[in-house]
Every structure is written in structure tokens, then in C-alpha cells.
C-alpha atoms as a PDB file:
ATOM      1  CA  MET A   1       0.000   0.000   0.000  1.00  0.00           C
ATOM      2  CA  ASN A   2       1.363   3.414  -0.938  1.00  0.00           C
ATOM      3  CA  TYR A   3       0.765   6.306   1.410  1.00  0.00           C
ATOM      4  CA  PRO A   4       1.472   9.897   0.475  1.00  0.00           C
ATOM      5  CA  ARG A   5       4.728  11.209   1.943  1.00  0.00           C
ATOM      6  CA  PHE A   6       4.163  13.434   4.979  1.00  0.00           C
ATOM      7  CA  ASP A   7       5.424  16.989   4.496  1.00  0.00           C
ATOM      8  CA  ALA A   8       5.026  19.483   7.351  1.00  0.00           C
ATOM      9  CA  ALA A   9       5.105  22.287   4.761  1.00  0.00           C
ATOM     10  CA  ASP A  10       1.576  21.268   3.768  1.00  0.00           C
ATOM     11  CA  TYR A  11       0.330  22.304   7.224  1.00  0.00           C
ATOM     12  CA  LEU A  12       2.223  25.565   7.724  1.00  0.00           C
ATOM     13  CA  ASP A  13      -0.542  27.740   6.390  1.00  0.00           C
ATOM     14  CA  ASN A  14      -0.751  30.662   8.819  1.00  0.00           C
ATOM     15  CA  GLU A  15       1.441  32.883  10.984  1.00  0.00           C
ATOM     16  CA  GLU A  16       0.357  31.368  14.299  1.00  0.00           C
ATOM     17  CA  VAL A  17       1.148  27.798  13.249  1.00  0.00           C
ATOM     18  CA  ILE A  18       4.526  28.835  11.827  1.00  0.00           C
ATOM     19  CA  SER A  19       5.365  30.807  14.964  1.00  0.00           C
ATOM     20  CA  GLU A  20       4.536  27.852  17.215  1.00  0.00           C
ATOM     21  CA  TYR A  21       6.547  25.531  14.976  1.00  0.00           C
ATOM     22  CA  LEU A  22       9.631  27.774  15.046  1.00  0.00           C
ATOM     23  CA  ASN A  23       9.414  28.354  18.802  1.00  0.00           C
ATOM     24  CA  SER A  24       9.092  24.654  19.570  1.00  0.00           C
ATOM     25  CA  VAL A  25      12.077  23.856  17.351  1.00  0.00           C
ATOM     26  CA  LEU A  26      14.151  26.620  18.953  1.00  0.00           C
ATOM     27  CA  GLU A  27      13.461  25.124  22.383  1.00  0.00           C
ATOM     28  CA  GLU A  28      15.190  21.922  21.249  1.00  0.00           C
ATOM     29  CA  ASN A  29      18.530  23.759  20.955  1.00  0.00           C
ATOM     30  CA  ASP A  30      19.304  21.785  17.795  1.00  0.00           C
ATOM     31  CA  THR A  31      20.823  23.787  14.946  1.00  0.00           C
ATOM     32  CA  ASP A  32      20.053  21.138  12.318  1.00  0.00           C
ATOM     33  CA  ALA A  33      16.405  20.984  13.422  1.00  0.00           C
ATOM     34  CA  PHE A  34      16.166  24.786  13.249  1.00  0.00           C
ATOM     35  CA  LEU A  35      17.608  24.849   9.720  1.00  0.00           C
ATOM     36  CA  GLU A  36      15.251  22.054   8.687  1.00  0.00           C
ATOM     37  CA  ALA A  37      12.332  24.059  10.094  1.00  0.00           C
ATOM     38  CA  LEU A  38      13.415  27.147   8.131  1.00  0.00           C
ATOM     39  CA  ASP A  39      13.693  25.003   4.997  1.00  0.00           C
ATOM     40  CA  THR A  40      10.217  23.571   5.577  1.00  0.00           C
ATOM     41  CA  ILE A  41       8.715  27.024   6.112  1.00  0.00           C
ATOM     42  CA  ALA A  42      10.511  28.420   3.065  1.00  0.00           C
ATOM     43  CA  ARG A  43       9.095  25.573   0.962  1.00  0.00           C
ATOM     44  CA  ALA A  44       5.633  26.245   2.394  1.00  0.00           C
ATOM     45  CA  ARG A  45       5.975  29.915   1.446  1.00  0.00           C
ATOM     46  CA  SER A  46       7.641  29.172  -1.944  1.00  0.00           C
ATOM     47  CA  MET A  47      11.388  28.825  -2.048  1.00  0.00           C
ATOM     48  CA  SER A  48      11.453  30.839  -5.280  1.00  0.00           C
ATOM     49  CA  LYS A  49       9.671  33.751  -3.602  1.00  0.00           C
ATOM     50  CA  ILE A  50      12.033  33.575  -0.609  1.00  0.00           C
ATOM     51  CA  ALA A  51      14.997  33.594  -2.993  1.00  0.00           C
ATOM     52  CA  VAL A  52      13.761  36.772  -4.659  1.00  0.00           C
ATOM     53  CA  GLU A  53      13.052  38.484  -1.337  1.00  0.00           C
ATOM     54  CA  THR A  54      16.452  37.575   0.126  1.00  0.00           C
ATOM     55  CA  GLY A  55      18.448  38.259  -3.026  1.00  0.00           C
ATOM     56  CA  LEU A  56      19.883  34.731  -2.871  1.00  0.00           C
ATOM     57  CA  TYR A  57      19.741  31.993  -5.467  1.00  0.00           C
ATOM     58  CA  ARG A  58      17.215  29.254  -4.799  1.00  0.00           C
ATOM     59  CA  GLU A  59      19.931  26.587  -4.964  1.00  0.00           C
ATOM     60  CA  SER A  60      21.974  28.562  -2.408  1.00  0.00           C
ATOM     61  CA  LEU A  61      18.991  28.625  -0.066  1.00  0.00           C
ATOM     62  CA  TYR A  62      18.504  24.873  -0.305  1.00  0.00           C
ATOM     63  CA  LYS A  63      22.194  24.398   0.484  1.00  0.00           C
ATOM     64  CA  ALA A  64      22.225  26.936   3.348  1.00  0.00           C
ATOM     65  CA  LEU A  65      19.161  25.369   4.972  1.00  0.00           C
ATOM     66  CA  SER A  66      20.284  21.761   4.671  1.00  0.00           C
ATOM     67  CA  ALA A  67      21.358  19.636   7.632  1.00  0.00           C
ATOM     68  CA  ASP A  68      24.985  20.033   8.682  1.00  0.00           C
ATOM     69  CA  SER A  69      25.310  23.344   6.844  1.00  0.00           C
ATOM     70  CA  LYS A  70      26.744  26.357   8.593  1.00  0.00           C
ATOM     71  CA  PRO A  71      24.839  29.330   7.163  1.00  0.00           C
ATOM     72  CA  ARG A  72      25.907  32.838   8.018  1.00  0.00           C
ATOM     73  CA  TYR A  73      23.812  34.682  10.578  1.00  0.00           C
ATOM     74  CA  GLU A  74      23.016  37.210   7.848  1.00  0.00           C
ATOM     75  CA  THR A  75      21.501  34.446   5.701  1.00  0.00           C
ATOM     76  CA  VAL A  76      19.331  33.195   8.562  1.00  0.00           C
ATOM     77  CA  GLN A  77      18.158  36.754   9.239  1.00  0.00           C
ATOM     78  CA  LYS A  78      17.300  37.289   5.568  1.00  0.00           C
ATOM     79  CA  VAL A  79      15.269  34.079   5.437  1.00  0.00           C
ATOM     80  CA  LEU A  80      13.462  34.887   8.674  1.00  0.00           C
ATOM     81  CA  GLY A  81      12.664  38.369   7.379  1.00  0.00           C
ATOM     82  CA  ALA A  82      11.394  36.994   4.076  1.00  0.00           C
ATOM     83  CA  ILE A  83       9.013  34.623   5.852  1.00  0.00           C
ATOM     84  CA  GLY A  84       7.849  37.451   8.134  1.00  0.00           C
ATOM     85  CA  PHE A  85       9.601  36.587  11.398  1.00  0.00           C
ATOM     86  CA  LYS A  86      12.505  37.714  13.562  1.00  0.00           C
ATOM     87  CA  ILE A  87      14.430  36.299  16.492  1.00  0.00           C
ATOM     88  CA  THR A  88      13.974  37.949  19.881  1.00  0.00           C
ATOM     89  CA  VAL A  89      15.829  37.274  23.091  1.00  0.00           C
ATOM     90  CA  THR A  90      14.248  36.777  26.504  1.00  0.00           C
ATOM     91  CA  SER A  91      15.735  35.821  29.818  1.00  0.00           C
ATOM     92  CA  ASN A  92      15.358  32.216  30.886  1.00  0.00           C
ATOM     93  CA  HIS A  93      15.986  33.132  34.534  1.00  0.00           C
ATOM     94  CA  GLU A  94      13.224  34.111  36.886  1.00  0.00           C
ATOM     95  CA  LEU A  95      13.397  37.676  38.101  1.00  0.00           C
ATOM     96  CA  ARG A  96      14.287  37.740  41.770  1.00  0.00           C
ATOM     97  CA  ALA A  97      13.050  40.361  44.175  1.00  0.00           C
ATOM     98  CA  VAL A  98      15.861  42.280  45.833  1.00  0.00           C
END
């Protein structure tokens, strides 16, 4: 029996779902998983469109977002911007009363 191949990109259809997906992957502290998530989101949003918006070649994006790649921070920022997101930093320590 042949089943269709599962592709998370098919389900990343709104900002809230994408945001939750990225945040959950970031919590894993796994660079390869984060790059895979960016690749999945870029495919969901159209890799060709992301390439145009970032000024990068589509083939370069596939390579930069592949497992075991070491993309420049600038590239990650461009991709995040093109898909409509940014990275923010928050403290993971509880505030203590003085």
C-alpha cells in the first residue's frame, strides 16, 4: 500500500502555526532541526519567492538550509525576514526580588 509522503510544509498555512513551529524547534537547541524548520517554512511559502526576497539563489537557499550546513547569521536573518519573522531574546531566569 502506498501512502502519500508526509510533508510538514503542507500544514504551515498561517502565521500562528509557523510561529509555534519555530518556537518549539528553537526550544530543542538543535541547529540542524532549526535549519530544517526554516527550509520547511521556506518551501511552504515558496522557495522561489524567498529567494527573490532575500536576493539569494534558490539553490543557495537549499544548500544553506540543509542539515549540517553552517549558514551565516546574515543568511538566517534574511530568510526569517522573508518569511515574516525575527528572532527575539528573553531571559530564561526568573526575576528575583531584591
